[in-house]
């Protein structure tokens, strides 16, 4: 599986990992560590023609500058896979970039339609995989009194991969700049 995502700036990554640490220490939530990079997912697919995606992202990011996003508090995806997240404020820029990425990179039959423009909820995951009805109240209780209003710089877009549980960064494309070769 491949994910097109934006990793956070260093200070924001440290802040999010601090929240993860609180949830691990106070509520025994460790599932987030399976995807150990705080990020915003633009879209995901079971398969991509990686060469085509890389070529597109190199051009796409060269035409856009880094930008800032804001968070607006906690959110919760309910159902069988409960996910606690930091909600992002929908800005015109965020919405336009997402729509352009979705239009160009979606793979019919392979794309995860939770990331389609009409369904996409931009967020940064705080806890998932091991969240249940028994521990969600602990997580919300630990974070509810903390300010969740952050300004986060988005410097790049990356291709992340999950190859049977091995998760990593294939490549990073800096907005307005060159690609960072990872593997």
C-alpha atoms as a PDB file:
ATOM      1  CA  UNK A   1       0.000   0.000   0.000  1.00  0.00           C
ATOM      2  CA  UNK A   2       1.170   3.514  -0.805  1.00  0.00           C
ATOM      3  CA  UNK A   3       0.154   6.742   0.865  1.00  0.00           C
ATOM      4  CA  UNK A   4       0.659  10.250  -0.442  1.00  0.00           C
ATOM      5  CA  UNK A   5       1.190  12.323   2.683  1.00  0.00           C
ATOM      6  CA  UNK A   6       2.821  15.404   4.099  1.00  0.00           C
ATOM      7  CA  UNK A   7       5.203  14.952   6.969  1.00  0.00           C
ATOM      8  CA  UNK A   8       5.198  17.755   9.518  1.00  0.00           C
ATOM      9  CA  UNK A   9       7.902  20.294  10.251  1.00  0.00           C
ATOM     10  CA  UNK A  10      10.347  19.203  12.990  1.00  0.00           C
ATOM     11  CA  UNK A  11       8.813  21.263  15.833  1.00  0.00           C
ATOM     12  CA  UNK A  12       5.294  20.045  15.046  1.00  0.00           C
ATOM     13  CA  UNK A  13       6.481  16.437  14.795  1.00  0.00           C
ATOM     14  CA  UNK A  14       8.012  16.735  18.264  1.00  0.00           C
ATOM     15  CA  UNK A  15       4.741  18.207  19.585  1.00  0.00           C
ATOM     16  CA  UNK A  16       2.600  15.422  18.106  1.00  0.00           C
ATOM     17  CA  UNK A  17       4.967  12.740  19.384  1.00  0.00           C
ATOM     18  CA  UNK A  18       4.634  14.374  22.812  1.00  0.00           C
ATOM     19  CA  UNK A  19       0.863  13.816  22.624  1.00  0.00           C
ATOM     20  CA  UNK A  20       1.477  10.219  21.534  1.00  0.00           C
ATOM     21  CA  UNK A  21       3.736   9.781  24.576  1.00  0.00           C
ATOM     22  CA  UNK A  22       1.012  11.060  26.921  1.00  0.00           C
ATOM     23  CA  UNK A  23      -1.489   8.615  25.420  1.00  0.00           C
ATOM     24  CA  UNK A  24       0.969   5.755  25.750  1.00  0.00           C
ATOM     25  CA  UNK A  25       1.972   6.559  29.333  1.00  0.00           C
ATOM     26  CA  UNK A  26      -1.471   7.427  30.695  1.00  0.00           C
ATOM     27  CA  UNK A  27      -3.769   5.215  28.592  1.00  0.00           C
ATOM     28  CA  UNK A  28      -1.505   2.389  27.321  1.00  0.00           C
ATOM     29  CA  UNK A  29      -2.227   3.336  23.701  1.00  0.00           C
ATOM     30  CA  UNK A  30       0.688   2.131  21.571  1.00  0.00           C
ATOM     31  CA  UNK A  31      -0.971   1.386  18.199  1.00  0.00           C
ATOM     32  CA  UNK A  32       0.127   4.680  16.660  1.00  0.00           C
ATOM     33  CA  UNK A  33       3.730   3.483  16.803  1.00  0.00           C
ATOM     34  CA  UNK A  34       2.954   1.100  13.934  1.00  0.00           C
ATOM     35  CA  UNK A  35       2.985   4.205  11.700  1.00  0.00           C
ATOM     36  CA  UNK A  36       5.653   6.198  13.558  1.00  0.00           C
ATOM     37  CA  UNK A  37       5.628   9.345  11.419  1.00  0.00           C
ATOM     38  CA  UNK A  38       3.153  12.126  12.232  1.00  0.00           C
ATOM     39  CA  UNK A  39       1.606  13.107   8.917  1.00  0.00           C
ATOM     40  CA  UNK A  40      -1.410  14.299   6.970  1.00  0.00           C
ATOM     41  CA  UNK A  41      -2.683  11.797   4.439  1.00  0.00           C
ATOM     42  CA  UNK A  42      -3.727  13.234   1.088  1.00  0.00           C
ATOM     43  CA  UNK A  43      -4.726   9.871  -0.402  1.00  0.00           C
ATOM     44  CA  UNK A  44      -3.880   6.189  -0.325  1.00  0.00           C
ATOM     45  CA  UNK A  45      -4.047   3.278  -2.739  1.00  0.00           C
ATOM     46  CA  UNK A  46      -3.319  -0.419  -2.730  1.00  0.00           C
ATOM     47  CA  UNK A  47      -1.100   0.096  -5.747  1.00  0.00           C
ATOM     48  CA  UNK A  48       0.457   2.947  -7.700  1.00  0.00           C
ATOM     49  CA  UNK A  49       2.560   3.231 -10.785  1.00  0.00           C
ATOM     50  CA  UNK A  50       5.277   4.684  -8.559  1.00  0.00           C
ATOM     51  CA  UNK A  51       7.380   6.104 -11.412  1.00  0.00           C
ATOM     52  CA  UNK A  52       4.383   8.093 -12.667  1.00  0.00           C
ATOM     53  CA  UNK A  53       3.507   9.318  -9.172  1.00  0.00           C
ATOM     54  CA  UNK A  54       7.099  10.386  -8.530  1.00  0.00           C
ATOM     55  CA  UNK A  55       7.239  12.283 -11.808  1.00  0.00           C
ATOM     56  CA  UNK A  56       3.943  14.020 -11.068  1.00  0.00           C
ATOM     57  CA  UNK A  57       4.912  14.937  -7.489  1.00  0.00           C
ATOM     58  CA  UNK A  58       8.234  16.370  -8.590  1.00  0.00           C
ATOM     59  CA  UNK A  59       6.441  18.725 -10.988  1.00  0.00           C
ATOM     60  CA  UNK A  60       3.516  19.380  -8.628  1.00  0.00           C
ATOM     61  CA  UNK A  61       5.689  20.406  -5.679  1.00  0.00           C
ATOM     62  CA  UNK A  62       7.930  22.584  -7.819  1.00  0.00           C
ATOM     63  CA  UNK A  63       4.860  24.731  -8.624  1.00  0.00           C
ATOM     64  CA  UNK A  64       3.727  25.142  -5.001  1.00  0.00           C
ATOM     65  CA  UNK A  65       5.310  26.745  -1.960  1.00  0.00           C
ATOM     66  CA  UNK A  66       5.406  25.435   1.607  1.00  0.00           C
ATOM     67  CA  UNK A  67       2.340  26.475   3.544  1.00  0.00           C
ATOM     68  CA  UNK A  68       0.906  26.553   7.026  1.00  0.00           C
ATOM     69  CA  UNK A  69      -2.099  24.711   8.388  1.00  0.00           C
ATOM     70  CA  UNK A  70      -3.956  25.113  11.662  1.00  0.00           C
ATOM     71  CA  UNK A  71      -5.479  22.541  13.921  1.00  0.00           C
ATOM     72  CA  UNK A  72      -8.835  23.021  15.590  1.00  0.00           C
ATOM     73  CA  UNK A  73      -9.106  20.455  18.384  1.00  0.00           C
ATOM     74  CA  UNK A  74      -9.809  16.774  18.800  1.00  0.00           C
ATOM     75  CA  UNK A  75     -11.925  14.593  16.541  1.00  0.00           C
ATOM     76  CA  UNK A  76     -13.031  11.004  16.599  1.00  0.00           C
ATOM     77  CA  UNK A  77     -13.732   8.494  13.847  1.00  0.00           C
ATOM     78  CA  UNK A  78     -16.174   6.000  15.301  1.00  0.00           C
ATOM     79  CA  UNK A  79     -17.037   2.457  14.332  1.00  0.00           C
ATOM     80  CA  UNK A  80     -15.014  -0.729  14.313  1.00  0.00           C
ATOM     81  CA  UNK A  81     -11.705   1.148  14.082  1.00  0.00           C
ATOM     82  CA  UNK A  82     -11.931   4.030  16.523  1.00  0.00           C
ATOM     83  CA  UNK A  83      -9.409   6.752  15.709  1.00  0.00           C
ATOM     84  CA  UNK A  84      -8.640   9.823  17.801  1.00  0.00           C
ATOM     85  CA  UNK A  85      -7.230  12.672  15.752  1.00  0.00           C
ATOM     86  CA  UNK A  86      -6.241  16.313  15.672  1.00  0.00           C
ATOM     87  CA  UNK A  87      -8.640  18.052  13.292  1.00  0.00           C
ATOM     88  CA  UNK A  88      -7.308  20.459  10.666  1.00  0.00           C
ATOM     89  CA  UNK A  89      -9.012  23.670   9.651  1.00  0.00           C
ATOM     90  CA  UNK A  90     -10.218  23.451   6.046  1.00  0.00           C
ATOM     91  CA  UNK A  91      -8.468  26.246   4.200  1.00  0.00           C
ATOM     92  CA  UNK A  92      -8.888  27.083   0.533  1.00  0.00           C
ATOM     93  CA  UNK A  93      -5.259  26.129  -0.101  1.00  0.00           C
ATOM     94  CA  UNK A  94      -5.517  22.792   1.681  1.00  0.00           C
ATOM     95  CA  UNK A  95      -8.725  21.917  -0.159  1.00  0.00           C
ATOM     96  CA  UNK A  96      -7.370  22.952  -3.580  1.00  0.00           C
ATOM     97  CA  UNK A  97      -4.131  20.983  -3.165  1.00  0.00           C
ATOM     98  CA  UNK A  98      -6.060  17.914  -2.072  1.00  0.00           C
ATOM     99  CA  UNK A  99      -8.486  18.113  -4.972  1.00  0.00           C
ATOM    100  CA  UNK A 100      -5.628  18.468  -7.473  1.00  0.00           C
ATOM    101  CA  UNK A 101      -3.780  15.488  -5.961  1.00  0.00           C
ATOM    102  CA  UNK A 102      -6.940  13.347  -5.871  1.00  0.00           C
ATOM    103  CA  UNK A 103      -7.892  14.196  -9.458  1.00  0.00           C
ATOM    104  CA  UNK A 104      -4.453  13.295 -10.771  1.00  0.00           C
ATOM    105  CA  UNK A 105      -3.476  10.354  -8.553  1.00  0.00           C
ATOM    106  CA  UNK A 106      -6.631   8.421  -7.662  1.00  0.00           C
ATOM    107  CA  UNK A 107      -6.623   4.854  -8.943  1.00  0.00           C
ATOM    108  CA  UNK A 108     -10.116   3.600  -9.857  1.00  0.00           C
ATOM    109  CA  UNK A 109     -10.840   0.424  -7.947  1.00  0.00           C
ATOM    110  CA  UNK A 110      -7.674   0.770  -5.872  1.00  0.00           C
ATOM    111  CA  UNK A 111      -8.027   4.184  -4.220  1.00  0.00           C
ATOM    112  CA  UNK A 112      -9.336   4.512  -0.692  1.00  0.00           C
ATOM    113  CA  UNK A 113     -12.459   6.616  -1.169  1.00  0.00           C
ATOM    114  CA  UNK A 114     -12.292   7.984   2.370  1.00  0.00           C
ATOM    115  CA  UNK A 115      -9.821  10.370   0.734  1.00  0.00           C
ATOM    116  CA  UNK A 116     -12.170  11.471  -2.063  1.00  0.00           C
ATOM    117  CA  UNK A 117     -12.807  15.235  -1.896  1.00  0.00           C
ATOM    118  CA  UNK A 118     -16.413  14.829  -0.717  1.00  0.00           C
ATOM    119  CA  UNK A 119     -15.380  12.540   2.163  1.00  0.00           C
ATOM    120  CA  UNK A 120     -11.864  13.642   3.114  1.00  0.00           C
ATOM    121  CA  UNK A 121     -11.439  14.801   6.701  1.00  0.00           C
ATOM    122  CA  UNK A 122      -7.955  16.315   6.973  1.00  0.00           C
ATOM    123  CA  UNK A 123      -6.390  15.275  10.255  1.00  0.00           C
ATOM    124  CA  UNK A 124      -3.318  14.105  12.145  1.00  0.00           C
ATOM    125  CA  UNK A 125      -3.866  10.760  13.840  1.00  0.00           C
ATOM    126  CA  UNK A 126      -3.203  10.687  17.584  1.00  0.00           C
ATOM    127  CA  UNK A 127      -4.366   7.149  18.442  1.00  0.00           C
ATOM    128  CA  UNK A 128      -5.599   4.210  16.389  1.00  0.00           C
ATOM    129  CA  UNK A 129      -5.318   0.447  16.004  1.00  0.00           C
ATOM    130  CA  UNK A 130      -5.618  -0.246  19.760  1.00  0.00           C
ATOM    131  CA  UNK A 131      -8.332   2.275  20.668  1.00  0.00           C
ATOM    132  CA  UNK A 132     -11.534   0.788  22.025  1.00  0.00           C
ATOM    133  CA  UNK A 133     -14.533   1.796  24.104  1.00  0.00           C
ATOM    134  CA  UNK A 134     -12.646   0.991  27.296  1.00  0.00           C
ATOM    135  CA  UNK A 135      -9.649   3.280  26.711  1.00  0.00           C
ATOM    136  CA  UNK A 136     -11.068   6.110  24.568  1.00  0.00           C
ATOM    137  CA  UNK A 137     -12.393   7.918  27.643  1.00  0.00           C
ATOM    138  CA  UNK A 138      -8.868   7.918  29.118  1.00  0.00           C
ATOM    139  CA  UNK A 139      -7.443   9.372  25.893  1.00  0.00           C
ATOM    140  CA  UNK A 140     -10.039  12.115  25.632  1.00  0.00           C
ATOM    141  CA  UNK A 141      -9.718  12.861  29.342  1.00  0.00           C
ATOM    142  CA  UNK A 142      -5.950  13.262  29.086  1.00  0.00           C
ATOM    143  CA  UNK A 143      -6.112  15.596  26.087  1.00  0.00           C
ATOM    144  CA  UNK A 144      -9.381  17.491  26.626  1.00  0.00           C
ATOM    145  CA  UNK A 145      -7.843  20.132  28.882  1.00  0.00           C
ATOM    146  CA  UNK A 146      -4.864  20.810  26.598  1.00  0.00           C
ATOM    147  CA  UNK A 147      -4.824  23.433  23.884  1.00  0.00           C
ATOM    148  CA  UNK A 148      -5.031  21.704  20.531  1.00  0.00           C
ATOM    149  CA  UNK A 149      -4.613  24.819  18.415  1.00  0.00           C
ATOM    150  CA  UNK A 150      -1.331  24.495  16.557  1.00  0.00           C
ATOM    151  CA  UNK A 151       0.128  26.199  13.500  1.00  0.00           C
ATOM    152  CA  UNK A 152       2.015  23.609  11.481  1.00  0.00           C
ATOM    153  CA  UNK A 153       4.328  24.177   8.546  1.00  0.00           C
ATOM    154  CA  UNK A 154       3.937  21.780   5.634  1.00  0.00           C
ATOM    155  CA  UNK A 155       7.229  21.734   3.724  1.00  0.00           C
ATOM    156  CA  UNK A 156       6.762  18.719   1.449  1.00  0.00           C
ATOM    157  CA  UNK A 157       4.813  15.751   0.154  1.00  0.00           C
ATOM    158  CA  UNK A 158       6.091  12.210   0.606  1.00  0.00           C
ATOM    159  CA  UNK A 159       5.336   8.763  -0.700  1.00  0.00           C
ATOM    160  CA  UNK A 160       4.975   6.409   2.252  1.00  0.00           C
ATOM    161  CA  UNK A 161       4.788   2.652   1.880  1.00  0.00           C
ATOM    162  CA  UNK A 162       3.457  -0.226   3.945  1.00  0.00           C
ATOM    163  CA  UNK A 163       4.897  -3.497   2.722  1.00  0.00           C
ATOM    164  CA  UNK A 164       3.379  -6.201   4.963  1.00  0.00           C
ATOM    165  CA  UNK A 165       3.913  -4.113   8.103  1.00  0.00           C
ATOM    166  CA  UNK A 166       7.251  -2.609   7.098  1.00  0.00           C
ATOM    167  CA  UNK A 167       6.467   1.101   6.975  1.00  0.00           C
ATOM    168  CA  UNK A 168       8.725   3.793   5.621  1.00  0.00           C
ATOM    169  CA  UNK A 169       9.288   6.782   3.378  1.00  0.00           C
ATOM    170  CA  UNK A 170      10.032   6.069  -0.269  1.00  0.00           C
ATOM    171  CA  UNK A 171      10.683   9.665  -1.286  1.00  0.00           C
ATOM    172  CA  UNK A 172      10.050  13.258  -0.256  1.00  0.00           C
ATOM    173  CA  UNK A 173       9.292  16.183  -2.563  1.00  0.00           C
ATOM    174  CA  UNK A 174       9.918  19.640  -1.128  1.00  0.00           C
ATOM    175  CA  UNK A 175       7.475  22.361  -2.078  1.00  0.00           C
ATOM    176  CA  UNK A 176       9.349  24.804  -4.293  1.00  0.00           C
ATOM    177  CA  UNK A 177      12.483  22.692  -4.190  1.00  0.00           C
ATOM    178  CA  UNK A 178      14.234  19.483  -5.103  1.00  0.00           C
ATOM    179  CA  UNK A 179      13.291  15.911  -4.263  1.00  0.00           C
ATOM    180  CA  UNK A 180      14.935  14.246  -1.242  1.00  0.00           C
ATOM    181  CA  UNK A 181      16.003  10.714  -2.163  1.00  0.00           C
ATOM    182  CA  UNK A 182      15.186   8.307   0.653  1.00  0.00           C
ATOM    183  CA  UNK A 183      15.481   4.807  -0.819  1.00  0.00           C
END
